N, C-alpha and C. Protein backbone atom coordinates (compact mmCIF):
# COMPACT_ATOMS: atom_id res chain seq x y z
N MET A 1 0.30 52.97 -32.61
CA MET A 1 0.74 52.20 -31.62
C MET A 1 1.10 53.80 -30.61
N SER A 2 0.86 54.30 -29.91
CA SER A 2 1.37 55.35 -29.14
C SER A 2 3.11 54.72 -28.24
N GLU A 3 3.76 55.89 -28.07
CA GLU A 3 5.39 55.30 -28.06
C GLU A 3 5.17 56.52 -26.42
N TYR A 4 4.98 56.67 -25.41
CA TYR A 4 4.84 57.19 -24.43
C TYR A 4 5.99 56.88 -23.10
N PHE A 5 7.10 57.32 -22.98
CA PHE A 5 8.27 56.34 -21.94
C PHE A 5 7.92 57.01 -20.79
N ASN A 6 7.22 58.41 -21.05
CA ASN A 6 7.25 59.25 -19.18
C ASN A 6 6.27 58.43 -18.92
N ILE A 7 5.14 57.96 -19.10
CA ILE A 7 3.82 58.27 -18.55
C ILE A 7 3.57 56.53 -18.63
N LEU A 8 4.12 56.74 -17.05
CA LEU A 8 3.81 55.19 -16.28
C LEU A 8 2.67 55.64 -15.35
N PHE A 9 2.08 54.33 -15.22
CA PHE A 9 0.61 54.18 -14.34
C PHE A 9 1.02 53.69 -13.22
N ILE A 10 1.98 53.33 -12.93
CA ILE A 10 2.69 53.26 -11.48
C ILE A 10 3.71 53.42 -11.16
N SER A 11 4.46 53.76 -10.17
CA SER A 11 5.45 54.43 -9.70
C SER A 11 6.81 53.68 -9.26
N GLU A 12 7.99 54.12 -8.98
CA GLU A 12 8.73 52.90 -8.32
C GLU A 12 8.65 52.98 -7.31
N ASP A 13 8.54 54.19 -6.26
CA ASP A 13 7.45 54.06 -4.82
C ASP A 13 6.59 53.04 -4.42
N TYR A 14 5.70 53.17 -6.02
CA TYR A 14 4.88 51.87 -5.54
C TYR A 14 4.63 50.72 -5.82
N VAL A 15 5.57 50.32 -6.39
CA VAL A 15 6.46 49.17 -6.70
C VAL A 15 7.11 48.84 -5.58
N LYS A 16 8.15 49.33 -5.18
CA LYS A 16 9.40 49.10 -3.82
C LYS A 16 8.40 48.96 -2.45
N ASN A 17 6.82 50.08 -2.42
CA ASN A 17 5.88 49.85 -1.51
C ASN A 17 4.90 48.76 -0.81
N TYR A 18 4.76 48.14 -2.45
CA TYR A 18 3.93 47.20 -2.02
C TYR A 18 4.56 45.61 -2.31
N SER A 19 5.63 45.64 -2.80
CA SER A 19 6.34 44.24 -2.93
C SER A 19 7.74 44.24 -2.10
N PRO A 20 8.01 43.14 -2.17
CA PRO A 20 9.46 42.54 -1.54
C PRO A 20 10.84 43.53 -2.12
N LEU A 21 10.47 44.39 -3.31
CA LEU A 21 11.64 45.08 -3.61
C LEU A 21 12.37 46.10 -2.73
N MET A 22 13.56 45.83 -2.53
CA MET A 22 14.21 46.91 -1.58
C MET A 22 13.97 48.38 -1.68
N GLN A 23 14.09 49.53 -0.81
CA GLN A 23 14.05 50.91 -1.21
C GLN A 23 15.10 51.23 -1.61
N ASN A 24 16.63 50.47 -1.57
CA ASN A 24 18.00 50.70 -2.55
C ASN A 24 18.03 50.72 -3.67
N VAL A 25 17.14 49.93 -4.35
CA VAL A 25 16.89 49.38 -5.80
C VAL A 25 17.19 50.57 -6.32
N ASP A 26 18.05 50.61 -7.46
CA ASP A 26 17.87 51.97 -8.59
C ASP A 26 16.95 51.99 -9.23
N PRO A 27 16.39 53.19 -9.18
CA PRO A 27 15.10 53.31 -10.02
C PRO A 27 14.91 53.13 -11.72
N GLN A 28 16.59 53.06 -11.92
CA GLN A 28 16.39 52.67 -13.59
C GLN A 28 16.58 50.96 -13.62
N MET A 29 16.54 50.74 -13.02
CA MET A 29 16.93 49.19 -12.76
C MET A 29 15.29 48.82 -13.14
N ILE A 30 14.25 49.26 -12.43
CA ILE A 30 12.68 48.87 -12.72
C ILE A 30 11.97 49.88 -13.72
N ARG A 31 12.54 50.65 -13.58
CA ARG A 31 11.39 51.49 -14.92
C ARG A 31 11.33 51.21 -16.06
N MET A 32 12.49 50.68 -17.27
CA MET A 32 12.33 49.66 -18.35
C MET A 32 10.93 48.59 -17.69
N GLN A 33 10.89 47.90 -17.18
CA GLN A 33 10.19 46.81 -16.56
C GLN A 33 8.64 47.33 -16.33
N MET A 34 8.88 48.03 -15.88
CA MET A 34 7.40 48.85 -15.46
C MET A 34 6.93 49.34 -16.65
N PHE A 35 7.82 50.24 -17.89
CA PHE A 35 7.02 50.55 -19.04
C PHE A 35 6.89 48.98 -20.02
N GLU A 36 7.60 47.94 -19.89
CA GLU A 36 7.42 46.68 -20.67
C GLU A 36 6.10 45.86 -20.04
N SER A 37 5.77 46.33 -18.81
CA SER A 37 4.63 45.41 -18.07
C SER A 37 3.18 46.13 -18.62
N GLN A 38 3.31 47.90 -18.67
CA GLN A 38 2.23 48.86 -19.02
C GLN A 38 2.17 48.46 -20.71
N ASN A 39 3.03 48.41 -21.60
CA ASN A 39 3.00 48.43 -22.64
C ASN A 39 3.04 47.48 -23.34
N ILE A 40 3.47 46.30 -23.04
CA ILE A 40 3.09 45.03 -23.31
C ILE A 40 2.02 44.50 -22.70
N ASP A 41 1.99 44.14 -21.71
CA ASP A 41 0.86 43.22 -20.67
C ASP A 41 -0.36 43.82 -20.63
N LEU A 42 -0.58 44.96 -19.84
CA LEU A 42 -1.75 46.26 -19.92
C LEU A 42 -2.29 46.03 -21.56
N ASN A 43 -1.47 46.51 -22.33
CA ASN A 43 -1.65 46.96 -23.96
C ASN A 43 -2.60 45.66 -24.06
N TYR A 44 -1.76 44.46 -24.15
CA TYR A 44 -2.00 43.54 -24.51
C TYR A 44 -4.32 42.66 -24.10
N ILE A 45 -4.09 43.12 -22.72
CA ILE A 45 -5.63 43.38 -21.78
C ILE A 45 -6.71 44.14 -22.49
N ILE A 46 -5.94 44.84 -22.33
CA ILE A 46 -7.16 46.03 -22.75
C ILE A 46 -7.07 46.15 -24.46
N GLY A 47 -6.25 46.40 -25.38
CA GLY A 47 -6.43 46.81 -26.41
C GLY A 47 -5.90 47.40 -26.99
N ASP A 48 -5.02 48.06 -27.85
CA ASP A 48 -4.97 49.10 -28.92
C ASP A 48 -5.25 50.74 -28.20
N ASP A 49 -6.69 50.16 -28.91
CA ASP A 49 -7.47 51.13 -28.54
C ASP A 49 -7.99 52.06 -27.52
N LEU A 50 -7.80 51.37 -26.42
CA LEU A 50 -8.06 52.09 -25.03
C LEU A 50 -7.19 51.92 -24.60
N TYR A 51 -6.08 51.15 -25.00
CA TYR A 51 -4.47 51.80 -23.99
C TYR A 51 -4.16 53.13 -24.75
N ASP A 52 -4.16 53.07 -26.19
CA ASP A 52 -3.70 54.72 -26.29
C ASP A 52 -4.64 55.93 -26.11
N GLU A 53 -6.15 55.65 -25.72
CA GLU A 53 -6.99 56.86 -25.42
C GLU A 53 -6.34 57.10 -24.06
N ILE A 54 -6.24 56.30 -23.32
CA ILE A 54 -5.63 56.41 -21.78
C ILE A 54 -4.21 56.91 -22.16
N LEU A 55 -3.28 56.59 -22.90
CA LEU A 55 -2.06 57.69 -22.64
C LEU A 55 -2.22 58.76 -23.54
N ASP A 56 -2.76 58.63 -24.29
CA ASP A 56 -3.36 60.41 -24.96
C ASP A 56 -4.02 61.00 -23.84
N GLN A 57 -4.90 60.91 -22.95
CA GLN A 57 -5.77 61.19 -22.00
C GLN A 57 -4.55 61.80 -20.89
N TYR A 58 -3.50 61.13 -20.26
CA TYR A 58 -2.58 61.32 -19.79
C TYR A 58 -1.20 62.24 -20.27
N GLU A 59 -0.85 62.07 -21.21
CA GLU A 59 0.02 62.84 -21.56
C GLU A 59 -0.86 64.30 -22.07
N ASP A 60 -1.89 64.61 -22.25
CA ASP A 60 -2.85 65.68 -22.44
C ASP A 60 -2.80 66.50 -21.16
N TYR A 61 -2.61 65.60 -19.91
CA TYR A 61 -2.68 65.99 -18.72
C TYR A 61 -1.54 66.64 -18.15
N LYS A 62 -0.65 66.09 -18.38
CA LYS A 62 1.04 66.26 -18.30
C LYS A 62 1.31 67.20 -18.97
N ASP A 63 1.29 67.18 -20.07
CA ASP A 63 0.97 69.15 -20.75
C ASP A 63 0.49 69.87 -20.04
N ALA A 64 -0.80 70.04 -19.68
CA ALA A 64 -1.61 70.78 -19.64
C ALA A 64 -0.49 71.24 -17.43
N ILE A 65 -0.50 70.19 -17.13
CA ILE A 65 0.29 70.64 -15.70
C ILE A 65 1.74 71.35 -16.03
N ALA A 66 2.13 70.76 -17.26
CA ALA A 66 3.65 71.86 -17.40
C ALA A 66 3.44 72.90 -17.83
N THR A 67 2.18 73.48 -18.41
CA THR A 67 2.14 74.62 -18.55
C THR A 67 1.00 75.89 -17.92
N GLY A 68 1.03 75.04 -16.55
CA GLY A 68 0.25 75.65 -15.27
C GLY A 68 -0.99 75.30 -15.16
N PHE A 69 -1.65 74.43 -15.49
CA PHE A 69 -2.99 73.97 -15.25
C PHE A 69 -3.05 73.22 -13.87
N THR A 70 -3.56 73.96 -12.96
CA THR A 70 -3.79 73.23 -11.49
C THR A 70 -5.50 72.89 -11.09
N GLY A 71 -6.39 72.24 -12.21
CA GLY A 71 -7.43 72.34 -12.32
C GLY A 71 -7.48 70.36 -11.69
N SER A 72 -8.62 69.89 -12.05
CA SER A 72 -8.99 68.31 -11.81
C SER A 72 -8.09 67.62 -13.03
N SER A 73 -7.99 66.43 -12.64
CA SER A 73 -6.99 65.56 -13.82
C SER A 73 -8.43 65.38 -14.69
N THR A 74 -9.39 65.16 -13.93
CA THR A 74 -10.83 64.49 -14.80
C THR A 74 -11.42 65.38 -16.19
N THR A 75 -10.40 66.74 -16.01
CA THR A 75 -10.68 67.72 -17.26
C THR A 75 -9.53 66.94 -18.54
N TYR A 76 -8.90 66.30 -18.33
CA TYR A 76 -8.20 65.39 -19.26
C TYR A 76 -7.91 64.39 -19.08
N VAL A 77 -8.22 63.50 -18.26
CA VAL A 77 -8.18 61.82 -18.16
C VAL A 77 -10.00 61.58 -17.45
N THR A 78 -10.57 60.76 -18.45
CA THR A 78 -11.94 60.24 -17.66
C THR A 78 -12.01 59.62 -16.45
N GLN A 79 -12.91 60.11 -15.67
CA GLN A 79 -12.54 59.31 -14.48
C GLN A 79 -13.03 57.97 -14.75
N ASP A 80 -14.06 57.26 -15.77
CA ASP A 80 -13.76 55.80 -15.77
C ASP A 80 -12.48 55.07 -16.12
N ASN A 81 -11.48 55.88 -16.94
CA ASN A 81 -9.94 55.57 -17.51
C ASN A 81 -9.00 55.67 -15.84
N GLN A 82 -9.30 56.69 -15.17
CA GLN A 82 -8.56 56.76 -13.80
C GLN A 82 -8.83 55.29 -13.08
N ASP A 83 -10.20 55.05 -13.18
CA ASP A 83 -10.69 54.30 -12.35
C ASP A 83 -10.00 52.97 -12.92
N LEU A 84 -10.02 52.92 -14.09
CA LEU A 84 -9.27 51.39 -14.94
C LEU A 84 -7.73 51.14 -14.45
N ILE A 85 -7.18 52.56 -14.53
CA ILE A 85 -5.76 52.38 -14.28
C ILE A 85 -5.72 51.73 -12.62
N LYS A 86 -6.66 52.61 -11.76
CA LYS A 86 -6.30 52.12 -10.37
C LYS A 86 -6.70 50.70 -10.17
N LYS A 87 -7.27 50.14 -10.88
CA LYS A 87 -7.91 48.44 -10.70
C LYS A 87 -6.76 48.11 -11.56
N ALA A 88 -6.17 48.44 -12.63
CA ALA A 88 -4.71 47.88 -13.06
C ALA A 88 -3.64 47.92 -12.26
N LYS A 89 -3.16 48.71 -11.32
CA LYS A 89 -2.36 48.82 -10.81
C LYS A 89 -1.32 47.85 -10.06
N PRO A 90 -2.84 46.76 -9.28
CA PRO A 90 -1.74 45.46 -8.38
C PRO A 90 -1.32 44.36 -9.94
N PHE A 91 -1.96 44.26 -11.09
CA PHE A 91 -1.97 43.58 -12.11
C PHE A 91 -0.40 44.26 -12.56
N LEU A 92 0.09 45.46 -12.97
CA LEU A 92 1.18 46.34 -13.04
C LEU A 92 2.18 45.76 -12.13
N LEU A 93 1.71 45.79 -10.98
CA LEU A 93 2.88 45.53 -9.87
C LEU A 93 3.75 44.06 -10.10
N TYR A 94 2.69 43.61 -10.06
CA TYR A 94 3.00 41.73 -10.30
C TYR A 94 3.80 41.59 -11.41
N SER A 95 3.43 42.28 -12.66
CA SER A 95 3.98 42.10 -13.91
C SER A 95 5.05 42.49 -14.20
N THR A 96 5.13 43.93 -13.30
CA THR A 96 6.95 44.49 -13.28
C THR A 96 7.67 43.95 -12.51
N LEU A 97 7.53 42.89 -11.73
CA LEU A 97 8.22 41.83 -10.31
C LEU A 97 8.69 40.70 -11.23
N LYS A 98 7.82 40.58 -12.38
CA LYS A 98 7.98 39.22 -13.00
C LYS A 98 8.71 39.52 -14.10
N ASN A 99 8.40 40.69 -14.37
CA ASN A 99 9.99 41.23 -15.70
C ASN A 99 10.80 41.29 -15.37
N SER A 100 11.43 41.87 -13.89
CA SER A 100 12.25 42.43 -13.52
C SER A 100 12.92 40.89 -12.72
N ALA A 101 12.77 40.09 -12.52
CA ALA A 101 13.28 38.91 -12.11
C ALA A 101 14.72 38.95 -12.67
N TYR A 102 15.32 38.56 -13.53
CA TYR A 102 16.53 38.30 -14.59
C TYR A 102 17.35 39.76 -14.14
N SER A 103 16.93 40.79 -14.75
CA SER A 103 17.45 42.07 -14.47
C SER A 103 17.75 42.53 -13.30
N LEU A 104 17.30 42.25 -12.25
CA LEU A 104 17.14 42.63 -11.14
C LEU A 104 18.78 41.50 -10.58
N ALA A 105 18.92 40.16 -11.26
CA ALA A 105 19.79 39.61 -10.83
C ALA A 105 21.11 39.31 -11.37
N THR A 106 21.20 40.25 -12.61
CA THR A 106 22.08 39.85 -13.74
C THR A 106 22.48 41.77 -14.11
N LYS A 107 23.66 41.70 -14.63
CA LYS A 107 24.15 43.15 -14.97
C LYS A 107 25.06 42.74 -16.71
N LEU A 108 24.51 43.69 -17.37
CA LEU A 108 25.09 43.92 -18.55
C LEU A 108 26.34 44.67 -19.09
N THR A 109 27.42 43.95 -19.01
CA THR A 109 28.79 44.70 -19.13
C THR A 109 29.05 44.85 -20.11
N ASN A 110 30.56 45.28 -20.41
CA ASN A 110 31.25 45.07 -21.40
C ASN A 110 32.04 43.75 -21.67
N LYS A 111 31.88 43.22 -20.54
CA LYS A 111 32.69 41.92 -20.15
C LYS A 111 31.65 40.90 -20.06
N GLY A 112 30.01 40.66 -20.72
CA GLY A 112 29.22 39.97 -20.93
C GLY A 112 28.59 40.19 -20.13
N ILE A 113 27.60 38.87 -19.54
CA ILE A 113 26.59 39.22 -18.75
C ILE A 113 27.22 38.46 -17.31
N THR A 114 26.30 39.38 -16.05
CA THR A 114 27.71 38.82 -14.74
C THR A 114 26.31 38.99 -13.40
N GLU A 115 26.84 37.93 -12.86
CA GLU A 115 25.57 38.47 -11.30
C GLU A 115 25.68 39.56 -10.81
N GLN A 116 24.64 40.00 -9.98
CA GLN A 116 25.12 40.84 -9.37
C GLN A 116 25.25 40.11 -7.92
N SER A 117 25.61 40.68 -7.26
CA SER A 117 26.18 40.34 -6.06
C SER A 117 26.56 41.59 -5.04
N SER A 118 26.67 41.43 -3.32
CA SER A 118 27.59 42.56 -2.70
C SER A 118 28.22 41.74 -1.61
N ASP A 119 28.90 42.69 -1.00
CA ASP A 119 29.91 41.80 0.72
C ASP A 119 28.89 40.80 1.21
N TYR A 120 27.59 41.07 1.59
CA TYR A 120 26.58 40.76 2.76
C TYR A 120 25.57 40.31 2.13
N SER A 121 25.58 39.88 0.59
CA SER A 121 24.39 38.85 0.39
C SER A 121 25.19 37.80 -0.64
N SER A 122 24.29 36.95 -1.02
CA SER A 122 24.33 36.32 -2.02
C SER A 122 23.18 35.83 -2.75
N ASN A 123 23.60 35.64 -4.16
CA ASN A 123 22.71 35.56 -5.26
C ASN A 123 21.97 34.32 -4.44
N VAL A 124 20.46 34.15 -5.15
CA VAL A 124 19.92 32.48 -5.05
C VAL A 124 19.93 31.84 -6.54
N ASP A 125 19.91 30.94 -6.54
CA ASP A 125 20.20 29.74 -7.36
C ASP A 125 18.81 30.40 -8.17
N TYR A 126 18.77 29.69 -9.51
CA TYR A 126 17.83 30.03 -10.78
C TYR A 126 16.68 29.59 -10.59
N GLN A 127 16.80 28.18 -9.42
CA GLN A 127 15.32 27.43 -9.29
C GLN A 127 14.65 28.36 -8.43
N VAL A 128 15.15 29.07 -7.41
CA VAL A 128 14.49 29.91 -6.29
C VAL A 128 14.12 30.72 -7.29
N MET A 129 14.77 31.73 -7.86
CA MET A 129 14.23 32.66 -9.12
C MET A 129 13.32 32.73 -10.05
N ASN A 130 13.34 31.17 -10.55
CA ASN A 130 11.92 30.86 -11.46
C ASN A 130 10.78 30.41 -10.22
N THR A 131 10.92 30.07 -9.29
CA THR A 131 9.62 29.57 -8.29
C THR A 131 9.28 31.06 -8.48
N LEU A 132 10.02 32.18 -7.56
CA LEU A 132 9.55 33.60 -7.29
C LEU A 132 8.63 34.27 -8.97
N LYS A 133 9.17 33.95 -9.59
CA LYS A 133 8.94 34.77 -11.32
C LYS A 133 7.48 33.99 -11.34
N LYS A 134 7.60 32.69 -11.11
CA LYS A 134 6.29 31.80 -11.32
C LYS A 134 5.35 32.77 -10.59
N ASP A 135 5.48 32.79 -9.29
CA ASP A 135 4.34 33.00 -8.30
C ASP A 135 4.08 34.28 -8.75
N TRP A 136 5.00 35.54 -9.74
CA TRP A 136 4.98 36.62 -9.72
C TRP A 136 3.63 36.43 -10.88
N LYS A 137 4.02 35.95 -11.60
CA LYS A 137 3.39 35.51 -13.12
C LYS A 137 1.59 35.19 -12.62
N ASN A 138 2.17 34.04 -11.80
CA ASN A 138 0.46 33.72 -11.12
C ASN A 138 -0.46 35.09 -10.89
N LYS A 139 -0.09 35.60 -9.95
CA LYS A 139 -0.11 36.84 -9.17
C LYS A 139 -0.97 37.89 -10.35
N ALA A 140 0.34 38.14 -11.02
CA ALA A 140 -0.08 39.16 -12.36
C ALA A 140 -1.53 39.08 -13.31
N ASP A 141 -1.47 36.98 -13.37
CA ASP A 141 -2.23 36.48 -14.53
C ASP A 141 -4.00 36.93 -13.41
N ASN A 142 -3.46 36.81 -12.27
CA ASN A 142 -4.92 36.33 -11.80
C ASN A 142 -5.19 38.05 -11.55
N TYR A 143 -4.49 39.11 -11.21
CA TYR A 143 -4.63 40.58 -11.08
C TYR A 143 -5.34 40.97 -12.76
N GLY A 144 -5.00 40.20 -13.73
CA GLY A 144 -5.00 40.40 -15.10
C GLY A 144 -6.60 39.98 -15.23
N LYS A 145 -7.08 38.88 -14.89
CA LYS A 145 -8.10 38.26 -14.87
C LYS A 145 -9.62 39.10 -13.93
N LEU A 146 -9.03 39.66 -13.14
CA LEU A 146 -10.02 40.65 -12.36
C LEU A 146 -10.20 42.15 -12.87
N LEU A 147 -8.87 42.26 -13.60
CA LEU A 147 -9.22 43.42 -14.44
C LEU A 147 -10.43 43.62 -15.61
N ILE A 148 -10.03 42.04 -16.22
CA ILE A 148 -10.70 42.11 -17.62
C ILE A 148 -12.24 41.84 -16.64
N LYS A 149 -12.26 41.25 -15.99
CA LYS A 149 -14.18 41.25 -15.34
C LYS A 149 -14.26 42.25 -15.35
N TYR A 150 -13.69 43.21 -14.10
CA TYR A 150 -13.97 45.07 -13.88
C TYR A 150 -14.59 45.45 -15.41
N ILE A 151 -13.66 45.42 -16.66
CA ILE A 151 -13.79 46.00 -17.55
C ILE A 151 -15.25 45.37 -18.50
N ASN A 152 -15.19 43.93 -18.52
CA ASN A 152 -16.70 43.43 -18.86
C ASN A 152 -17.82 43.75 -17.82
N ASP A 153 -17.70 44.62 -16.24
CA ASP A 153 -18.46 44.28 -16.21
C ASP A 153 -19.26 45.91 -16.22
N ASN A 154 -18.34 46.88 -16.48
CA ASN A 154 -18.79 48.35 -17.06
C ASN A 154 -18.30 48.75 -17.96
N ILE A 155 -18.59 48.19 -19.23
CA ILE A 155 -18.83 47.12 -20.54
C ILE A 155 -19.01 48.82 -21.45
N ASP A 156 -20.06 49.33 -20.84
CA ASP A 156 -20.15 50.67 -21.27
C ASP A 156 -19.91 51.27 -21.10
N SER A 157 -18.52 52.06 -20.12
CA SER A 157 -17.53 52.55 -19.94
C SER A 157 -16.57 52.67 -20.70
N TYR A 158 -16.42 51.58 -21.44
CA TYR A 158 -14.79 51.39 -22.57
C TYR A 158 -15.65 50.73 -23.88
N PRO A 159 -15.80 51.84 -24.62
CA PRO A 159 -16.29 51.32 -25.94
C PRO A 159 -15.01 50.88 -26.94
N LEU A 160 -14.34 51.62 -26.27
CA LEU A 160 -12.53 51.10 -27.22
C LEU A 160 -12.38 49.87 -26.39
N TYR A 161 -12.50 48.89 -25.57
CA TYR A 161 -12.29 47.91 -25.37
C TYR A 161 -12.39 47.10 -26.37
N SER A 162 -11.35 45.86 -26.76
CA SER A 162 -11.71 45.29 -27.79
C SER A 162 -10.82 44.06 -26.95
N ASP A 163 -11.28 42.93 -28.02
CA ASP A 163 -10.98 41.66 -27.43
C ASP A 163 -11.27 40.88 -28.47
N ASP A 164 -10.05 40.70 -29.50
CA ASP A 164 -10.37 40.47 -30.70
C ASP A 164 -9.85 38.49 -31.03
N ASP A 165 -9.73 38.49 -29.51
CA ASP A 165 -8.92 36.65 -29.67
C ASP A 165 -10.17 36.04 -29.04
N SER A 166 -11.22 36.41 -28.57
CA SER A 166 -11.79 35.53 -28.04
C SER A 166 -12.84 35.66 -27.47
N CYS A 167 -13.79 34.73 -27.40
CA CYS A 167 -15.00 35.47 -26.94
C CYS A 167 -15.86 35.14 -25.26
N ASP A 168 -14.99 35.16 -24.60
CA ASP A 168 -14.95 34.49 -23.20
C ASP A 168 -14.43 35.56 -22.57
N GLY A 169 -14.59 37.17 -23.03
CA GLY A 169 -14.33 38.29 -21.63
C GLY A 169 -12.65 37.92 -21.57
N GLY A 170 -12.03 37.83 -22.58
CA GLY A 170 -10.49 38.11 -22.91
C GLY A 170 -9.74 36.87 -21.77
N ALA A 171 -10.10 36.47 -21.06
CA ALA A 171 -9.29 35.64 -20.28
C ALA A 171 -8.70 34.47 -20.52
N SER A 172 -8.94 34.15 -22.01
CA SER A 172 -8.17 32.71 -22.44
C SER A 172 -7.19 33.31 -23.52
N LYS A 173 -7.47 34.17 -23.47
CA LYS A 173 -6.14 35.05 -24.38
C LYS A 173 -4.78 35.28 -23.58
N ILE A 174 -4.88 35.50 -22.34
CA ILE A 174 -3.63 35.77 -21.75
C ILE A 174 -2.83 34.85 -20.79
N PHE A 175 -3.86 34.49 -20.35
CA PHE A 175 -3.26 33.73 -19.15
C PHE A 175 -2.93 32.10 -18.84
N THR A 176 -2.10 31.59 -18.72
CA THR A 176 -1.80 30.25 -18.77
C THR A 176 -1.27 29.89 -17.08
N ASN A 177 -1.46 28.95 -16.57
CA ASN A 177 -1.22 28.66 -15.21
C ASN A 177 -0.14 27.10 -15.49
N SER A 178 0.92 26.83 -14.74
CA SER A 178 2.00 26.33 -14.75
C SER A 178 1.29 24.62 -14.43
N LEU A 179 0.82 24.24 -14.05
CA LEU A 179 -0.17 23.15 -13.88
C LEU A 179 -0.46 22.59 -14.68
N TYR A 180 0.22 21.27 -15.03
CA TYR A 180 0.03 20.20 -16.09
C TYR A 180 -1.89 19.36 -15.95
N LEU A 181 -2.79 19.66 -16.09
CA LEU A 181 -3.30 18.78 -16.28
C LEU A 181 -3.94 17.55 -16.95
N GLY A 182 -2.92 16.79 -17.23
CA GLY A 182 -3.10 15.77 -18.05
C GLY A 182 -3.72 15.98 -19.79
N LYS A 183 -3.20 14.83 -20.35
CA LYS A 183 -3.27 15.24 -21.70
C LYS A 183 -4.91 15.21 -22.24
N ASN A 184 -5.05 15.88 -23.55
CA ASN A 184 -6.70 16.37 -23.67
C ASN A 184 -7.06 14.86 -24.40
N ILE A 185 -8.38 14.44 -24.24
CA ILE A 185 -8.27 13.00 -24.99
C ILE A 185 -9.72 13.70 -26.14
């Protein structure tokens, strides 16, 4: 699997502009969660082969820009893959928020794990944080389902898409909700 730490499909600005995340949050605080949302969560939805193809195309495009290329991105990244990433952005946003809930509230220091605070604010309790995290997870799950539907509706454009774990369009392999619906009989 590809390991491109500098290729992110959403930016810190995108996360801050389309979420409750404050503008003054240090980009390094969310960059790793953006990478994990992409490298773990998105990769799981679309499969290694399609994910690696998209990363390779964006890496080639990035390298071309570094050497002076000024043409269209479709020279390196197919329009289908650009459309897929555009469709994946809301999923990546809520996945990033879900993944960053604890790291934004805590700090790892040489003294251990501490809660972050300031003079003019106080931290929410973990029950509120867990409620927010569940809400962001539910939104990420729903956007993930829409992404799978999009791929399945355009399956001819994504021959590398793999859904090895299920035969229902991928939805069963990744999404669960928090509702208890009773014991299966």
